[in-house]
């Protein structure tokens, strides 16, 4: 599948993702599956481990790729706190195709219930 052009992958994935979201207002999921790298850390040679499995490339920890490629789904990233290494974390809110308004409403609700702007850096 890696040799497939992006447009072919997009065509195969857009319908199932859209159908999955049709039954829900939004999907809230992590932005990454591992803590981000701290500013100044060398990211090119850094190996990240997720659930005991070493990733081949540091970008494999990103959980946004599928929604970036299936671009008919609006996505908003909302800060959610800090990882154990102090780097900010986020959750992504994914909406039904072309339903940007719901994504913004859910994002505002998440920020209201879990405000993050005045949290100490030690979180």
N, C-alpha and C. Protein backbone atom coordinates (compact mmCIF):
# COMPACT_ATOMS: atom_id res chain seq x y z
N UNK A 1 0.82 -1.20 0.00
CA UNK A 1 0.00 0.00 0.00
C UNK A 1 0.86 1.26 0.00
N UNK A 2 2.07 1.18 0.51
CA UNK A 2 2.93 2.36 0.58
C UNK A 2 3.24 2.91 -0.81
N UNK A 3 3.22 2.07 -1.82
CA UNK A 3 3.53 2.54 -3.16
C UNK A 3 2.32 3.15 -3.86
N UNK A 4 1.14 3.04 -3.26
CA UNK A 4 -0.06 3.63 -3.85
C UNK A 4 0.03 5.15 -3.81
N UNK A 5 -0.46 5.81 -4.83
CA UNK A 5 -0.54 7.27 -4.76
C UNK A 5 -1.53 7.68 -3.66
N UNK A 6 -1.30 8.84 -3.09
CA UNK A 6 -2.16 9.33 -2.01
C UNK A 6 -3.61 9.42 -2.47
N UNK A 7 -3.87 9.86 -3.70
CA UNK A 7 -5.25 10.02 -4.16
C UNK A 7 -5.98 8.69 -4.14
N UNK A 8 -5.29 7.60 -4.42
CA UNK A 8 -5.93 6.29 -4.41
C UNK A 8 -6.30 5.88 -2.98
N UNK A 9 -5.38 6.13 -2.05
CA UNK A 9 -5.66 5.82 -0.65
C UNK A 9 -6.82 6.69 -0.15
N UNK A 10 -6.81 7.97 -0.55
CA UNK A 10 -7.87 8.88 -0.13
C UNK A 10 -9.23 8.38 -0.63
N UNK A 11 -9.28 7.96 -1.87
CA UNK A 11 -10.54 7.47 -2.44
C UNK A 11 -11.05 6.23 -1.68
N UNK A 12 -10.15 5.35 -1.30
CA UNK A 12 -10.55 4.13 -0.57
C UNK A 12 -10.95 4.41 0.87
N UNK A 13 -10.40 5.44 1.49
CA UNK A 13 -10.65 5.67 2.91
C UNK A 13 -11.74 6.68 3.20
N UNK A 14 -12.04 7.58 2.28
CA UNK A 14 -12.99 8.64 2.55
C UNK A 14 -14.38 8.10 2.87
N UNK A 15 -14.90 7.19 2.09
CA UNK A 15 -16.25 6.67 2.31
C UNK A 15 -16.39 5.96 3.66
N UNK A 16 -15.51 5.00 4.01
CA UNK A 16 -15.69 4.32 5.31
C UNK A 16 -15.59 5.27 6.50
N UNK A 17 -14.69 6.24 6.43
CA UNK A 17 -14.58 7.20 7.53
C UNK A 17 -15.84 8.04 7.62
N UNK A 18 -16.33 8.52 6.49
CA UNK A 18 -17.56 9.30 6.47
C UNK A 18 -18.74 8.50 7.00
N UNK A 19 -18.85 7.24 6.61
CA UNK A 19 -19.95 6.40 7.09
C UNK A 19 -19.83 6.13 8.58
N UNK A 20 -18.63 5.94 9.07
CA UNK A 20 -18.42 5.74 10.51
C UNK A 20 -18.92 6.95 11.30
N UNK A 21 -18.61 8.13 10.82
CA UNK A 21 -18.98 9.35 11.55
C UNK A 21 -20.43 9.74 11.36
N UNK A 22 -21.10 9.19 10.37
CA UNK A 22 -22.50 9.54 10.13
C UNK A 22 -23.39 9.26 11.35
N UNK A 23 -23.04 8.29 12.15
CA UNK A 23 -23.86 7.94 13.31
C UNK A 23 -23.54 8.72 14.56
N UNK A 24 -22.59 9.66 14.49
CA UNK A 24 -22.15 10.40 15.68
C UNK A 24 -22.00 11.88 15.34
N UNK A 25 -22.09 12.71 16.36
CA UNK A 25 -21.85 14.14 16.15
C UNK A 25 -20.38 14.40 15.89
N UNK A 26 -19.51 13.71 16.64
CA UNK A 26 -18.07 13.93 16.50
C UNK A 26 -17.32 12.77 17.14
N UNK A 27 -16.09 12.64 16.77
CA UNK A 27 -15.18 11.67 17.35
C UNK A 27 -14.09 12.45 18.06
N UNK A 28 -13.83 12.12 19.30
CA UNK A 28 -12.75 12.77 20.05
C UNK A 28 -11.68 11.71 20.29
N UNK A 29 -10.48 11.99 19.83
CA UNK A 29 -9.40 11.02 19.96
C UNK A 29 -8.07 11.75 20.16
N UNK A 30 -7.05 11.04 20.63
CA UNK A 30 -5.75 11.69 20.84
C UNK A 30 -5.16 12.20 19.53
N UNK A 31 -4.32 13.20 19.63
CA UNK A 31 -3.61 13.73 18.47
C UNK A 31 -2.38 12.87 18.16
N UNK A 32 -1.74 12.38 19.21
CA UNK A 32 -0.57 11.52 19.06
C UNK A 32 -0.69 10.34 20.03
N UNK A 33 0.12 9.30 19.78
CA UNK A 33 0.08 8.13 20.67
C UNK A 33 1.31 8.07 21.56
N UNK A 34 2.11 9.12 21.56
CA UNK A 34 3.30 9.20 22.41
C UNK A 34 3.53 10.67 22.74
N UNK A 35 4.20 10.96 23.86
CA UNK A 35 4.50 12.36 24.15
C UNK A 35 5.34 12.98 23.05
N UNK A 36 5.08 14.25 22.77
CA UNK A 36 5.88 14.96 21.77
C UNK A 36 7.29 15.19 22.27
N UNK A 37 8.14 15.62 21.38
CA UNK A 37 9.52 15.89 21.74
C UNK A 37 9.63 17.30 22.31
N UNK A 38 10.50 17.45 23.29
CA UNK A 38 10.72 18.77 23.88
C UNK A 38 11.49 19.65 22.91
N UNK A 39 11.29 20.94 22.99
CA UNK A 39 12.02 21.88 22.13
C UNK A 39 13.51 21.68 22.32
N UNK A 40 14.22 21.62 21.23
CA UNK A 40 15.67 21.43 21.28
C UNK A 40 16.10 19.99 21.20
N UNK A 41 15.17 19.03 21.38
CA UNK A 41 15.53 17.63 21.26
C UNK A 41 15.72 17.28 19.79
N UNK A 42 16.68 16.43 19.52
CA UNK A 42 16.94 15.98 18.16
C UNK A 42 15.85 15.00 17.76
N UNK A 43 15.04 15.37 16.79
CA UNK A 43 13.91 14.50 16.43
C UNK A 43 14.23 13.53 15.30
N UNK A 44 15.18 13.82 14.46
CA UNK A 44 15.46 12.96 13.32
C UNK A 44 15.96 11.59 13.75
N UNK A 45 16.84 11.53 14.73
CA UNK A 45 17.41 10.26 15.17
C UNK A 45 16.70 9.69 16.39
N UNK A 46 15.70 10.38 16.91
CA UNK A 46 15.00 9.90 18.09
C UNK A 46 14.08 8.75 17.74
N UNK A 47 14.14 7.70 18.52
CA UNK A 47 13.25 6.55 18.34
C UNK A 47 12.18 6.61 19.43
N UNK A 48 10.93 6.61 19.03
CA UNK A 48 9.83 6.61 19.98
C UNK A 48 9.32 5.19 20.14
N UNK A 49 8.88 4.87 21.35
CA UNK A 49 8.34 3.54 21.64
C UNK A 49 6.91 3.71 22.10
N UNK A 50 6.00 2.94 21.51
CA UNK A 50 4.59 2.96 21.86
C UNK A 50 4.18 1.54 22.21
N UNK A 51 3.72 1.34 23.44
CA UNK A 51 3.32 0.01 23.92
C UNK A 51 4.41 -1.03 23.67
N UNK A 52 5.65 -0.66 23.92
CA UNK A 52 6.77 -1.58 23.77
C UNK A 52 7.26 -1.79 22.35
N UNK A 53 6.66 -1.11 21.38
CA UNK A 53 7.06 -1.26 19.98
C UNK A 53 7.79 0.01 19.54
N UNK A 54 9.03 -0.15 19.07
CA UNK A 54 9.79 1.00 18.60
C UNK A 54 9.31 1.39 17.21
N UNK A 55 8.99 2.66 17.04
CA UNK A 55 8.51 3.17 15.75
C UNK A 55 9.69 3.39 14.81
N UNK A 56 9.47 3.15 13.53
CA UNK A 56 10.53 3.34 12.53
C UNK A 56 10.85 4.81 12.31
N UNK A 57 9.86 5.67 12.43
CA UNK A 57 10.01 7.09 12.14
C UNK A 57 9.25 7.88 13.20
N UNK A 58 9.79 9.01 13.63
CA UNK A 58 9.16 9.77 14.70
C UNK A 58 7.75 10.24 14.33
N UNK A 59 7.42 10.40 13.06
CA UNK A 59 6.09 10.86 12.67
C UNK A 59 5.03 9.76 12.77
N UNK A 60 5.44 8.53 12.99
CA UNK A 60 4.47 7.45 13.13
C UNK A 60 3.63 7.58 14.39
N UNK A 61 4.02 8.45 15.31
CA UNK A 61 3.22 8.63 16.52
C UNK A 61 2.02 9.55 16.29
N UNK A 62 1.97 10.17 15.13
CA UNK A 62 0.87 11.07 14.79
C UNK A 62 -0.40 10.29 14.45
N UNK A 63 -1.50 10.67 15.04
CA UNK A 63 -2.78 10.02 14.75
C UNK A 63 -3.67 10.92 13.89
N UNK A 64 -3.07 11.91 13.26
CA UNK A 64 -3.84 12.86 12.45
C UNK A 64 -3.83 12.53 10.96
N UNK A 65 -2.93 11.66 10.54
CA UNK A 65 -2.72 11.42 9.11
C UNK A 65 -3.99 10.98 8.39
N UNK A 66 -4.72 10.04 8.96
CA UNK A 66 -5.92 9.54 8.28
C UNK A 66 -6.94 10.66 8.04
N UNK A 67 -7.05 11.57 8.98
CA UNK A 67 -8.02 12.66 8.81
C UNK A 67 -7.47 13.76 7.90
N UNK A 68 -6.15 13.92 7.85
CA UNK A 68 -5.56 14.87 6.91
C UNK A 68 -5.77 14.40 5.48
N UNK A 69 -5.67 13.12 5.26
CA UNK A 69 -5.82 12.57 3.91
C UNK A 69 -7.30 12.50 3.53
N UNK A 70 -8.15 12.06 4.44
CA UNK A 70 -9.59 12.04 4.18
C UNK A 70 -10.12 13.42 4.53
N UNK A 71 -9.76 14.39 3.73
CA UNK A 71 -9.90 15.80 4.09
C UNK A 71 -11.32 16.34 4.11
N UNK A 72 -12.30 15.52 3.83
CA UNK A 72 -13.68 16.02 3.91
C UNK A 72 -14.18 16.10 5.35
N UNK A 73 -13.42 15.52 6.26
CA UNK A 73 -13.78 15.55 7.67
C UNK A 73 -13.10 16.75 8.32
N UNK A 74 -13.88 17.67 8.88
CA UNK A 74 -13.25 18.78 9.59
C UNK A 74 -12.64 18.28 10.90
N UNK A 75 -11.47 18.79 11.24
CA UNK A 75 -10.77 18.36 12.45
C UNK A 75 -10.26 19.59 13.18
N UNK A 76 -10.43 19.60 14.49
CA UNK A 76 -9.93 20.68 15.34
C UNK A 76 -9.11 20.05 16.45
N UNK A 77 -7.93 20.57 16.69
CA UNK A 77 -7.09 20.07 17.78
C UNK A 77 -7.25 21.02 18.96
N UNK A 78 -7.55 20.45 20.12
CA UNK A 78 -7.76 21.24 21.33
C UNK A 78 -6.74 20.81 22.38
N UNK A 79 -6.02 21.75 22.99
CA UNK A 79 -5.07 21.38 24.03
C UNK A 79 -5.77 20.62 25.16
N UNK A 80 -5.06 19.63 25.72
CA UNK A 80 -5.68 18.82 26.77
C UNK A 80 -4.84 18.72 28.03
N UNK A 81 -3.66 19.27 28.04
CA UNK A 81 -2.80 19.19 29.22
C UNK A 81 -1.36 19.08 28.82
N UNK A 82 -0.59 18.37 29.65
CA UNK A 82 0.83 18.18 29.36
C UNK A 82 1.21 16.72 29.58
N UNK A 83 2.14 16.25 28.77
CA UNK A 83 2.66 14.88 28.92
C UNK A 83 3.63 14.84 30.09
N UNK A 84 4.08 13.65 30.43
CA UNK A 84 5.01 13.48 31.55
C UNK A 84 6.32 14.24 31.34
N UNK A 85 6.68 14.53 30.10
CA UNK A 85 7.90 15.29 29.83
C UNK A 85 7.65 16.80 29.73
N UNK A 86 6.43 17.24 30.04
CA UNK A 86 6.10 18.67 30.05
C UNK A 86 5.61 19.23 28.73
N UNK A 87 5.64 18.44 27.67
CA UNK A 87 5.20 18.90 26.36
C UNK A 87 3.67 18.93 26.30
N UNK A 88 3.08 19.99 25.76
CA UNK A 88 1.61 20.05 25.67
C UNK A 88 1.04 18.88 24.87
N UNK A 89 -0.15 18.44 25.27
CA UNK A 89 -0.86 17.38 24.57
C UNK A 89 -2.16 17.94 24.02
N UNK A 90 -2.78 17.18 23.13
CA UNK A 90 -4.04 17.63 22.56
C UNK A 90 -4.94 16.47 22.20
N UNK A 91 -6.21 16.79 22.02
CA UNK A 91 -7.16 15.83 21.48
C UNK A 91 -7.68 16.43 20.18
N UNK A 92 -7.96 15.57 19.23
CA UNK A 92 -8.53 16.04 17.98
C UNK A 92 -10.02 15.72 17.96
N UNK A 93 -10.78 16.67 17.49
CA UNK A 93 -12.22 16.51 17.37
C UNK A 93 -12.51 16.42 15.88
N UNK A 94 -13.04 15.27 15.47
CA UNK A 94 -13.29 14.99 14.06
C UNK A 94 -14.80 15.01 13.84
N UNK A 95 -15.24 15.76 12.84
CA UNK A 95 -16.67 15.86 12.56
C UNK A 95 -17.07 15.15 11.29
N UNK A 96 -18.37 15.09 11.11
CA UNK A 96 -18.90 14.52 9.87
C UNK A 96 -18.48 15.40 8.69
N UNK A 97 -18.48 14.82 7.53
CA UNK A 97 -18.06 15.54 6.32
C UNK A 97 -18.75 16.90 6.23
N UNK A 98 -17.93 17.92 6.09
CA UNK A 98 -18.37 19.31 5.90
C UNK A 98 -19.13 19.92 7.08
N UNK A 99 -19.12 19.28 8.25
CA UNK A 99 -19.86 19.79 9.41
C UNK A 99 -18.90 20.52 10.36
N UNK A 100 -18.33 21.59 9.88
CA UNK A 100 -17.37 22.35 10.67
C UNK A 100 -17.99 22.94 11.93
N UNK A 101 -19.22 23.40 11.84
CA UNK A 101 -19.86 24.07 12.98
C UNK A 101 -19.91 23.17 14.21
N UNK A 102 -20.28 21.90 14.03
CA UNK A 102 -20.35 20.99 15.17
C UNK A 102 -18.98 20.80 15.79
N UNK A 103 -17.96 20.70 14.97
CA UNK A 103 -16.59 20.53 15.48
C UNK A 103 -16.21 21.72 16.36
N UNK A 104 -16.53 22.93 15.92
CA UNK A 104 -16.22 24.12 16.73
C UNK A 104 -17.02 24.14 18.02
N UNK A 105 -18.29 23.73 17.97
CA UNK A 105 -19.12 23.69 19.20
C UNK A 105 -18.56 22.67 20.19
N UNK A 106 -18.19 21.49 19.72
CA UNK A 106 -17.62 20.47 20.61
C UNK A 106 -16.29 20.96 21.17
N UNK A 107 -15.46 21.58 20.33
CA UNK A 107 -14.19 22.12 20.80
C UNK A 107 -14.36 23.16 21.89
N UNK A 108 -15.33 24.04 21.72
CA UNK A 108 -15.60 25.05 22.75
C UNK A 108 -16.07 24.39 24.04
N UNK A 109 -16.89 23.35 23.93
CA UNK A 109 -17.37 22.64 25.12
C UNK A 109 -16.22 21.96 25.84
N UNK A 110 -15.32 21.34 25.09
CA UNK A 110 -14.16 20.67 25.71
C UNK A 110 -13.30 21.71 26.44
N UNK A 111 -13.03 22.84 25.81
CA UNK A 111 -12.23 23.87 26.46
C UNK A 111 -12.94 24.45 27.68
N UNK A 112 -14.27 24.51 27.65
CA UNK A 112 -15.03 25.03 28.79
C UNK A 112 -14.94 24.08 29.99
N UNK A 113 -15.06 22.78 29.73
CA UNK A 113 -15.04 21.80 30.82
C UNK A 113 -13.62 21.53 31.30
N UNK A 114 -12.67 21.69 30.41
CA UNK A 114 -11.28 21.39 30.75
C UNK A 114 -10.37 22.54 30.29
N UNK A 115 -10.52 23.70 30.94
CA UNK A 115 -9.68 24.83 30.53
C UNK A 115 -8.21 24.52 30.80
N UNK A 116 -7.35 24.98 29.94
CA UNK A 116 -5.94 24.65 30.05
C UNK A 116 -5.03 25.87 30.08
N UNK A 117 -5.52 27.03 29.74
CA UNK A 117 -4.64 28.19 29.55
C UNK A 117 -3.93 28.64 30.81
N UNK A 118 -4.52 28.42 31.98
CA UNK A 118 -3.90 28.91 33.21
C UNK A 118 -3.33 27.77 34.06
N UNK A 119 -3.12 26.62 33.46
CA UNK A 119 -2.55 25.50 34.20
C UNK A 119 -1.04 25.68 34.36
N UNK A 120 -0.52 25.31 35.51
CA UNK A 120 0.93 25.42 35.70
C UNK A 120 1.68 24.47 34.77
N UNK A 121 2.91 24.83 34.43
CA UNK A 121 3.73 24.02 33.53
C UNK A 121 4.03 22.65 34.11
N UNK A 122 3.83 22.46 35.40
CA UNK A 122 4.18 21.18 36.02
C UNK A 122 3.18 20.08 35.70
N UNK A 123 2.05 20.42 35.07
CA UNK A 123 1.05 19.39 34.74
C UNK A 123 1.58 18.44 33.71
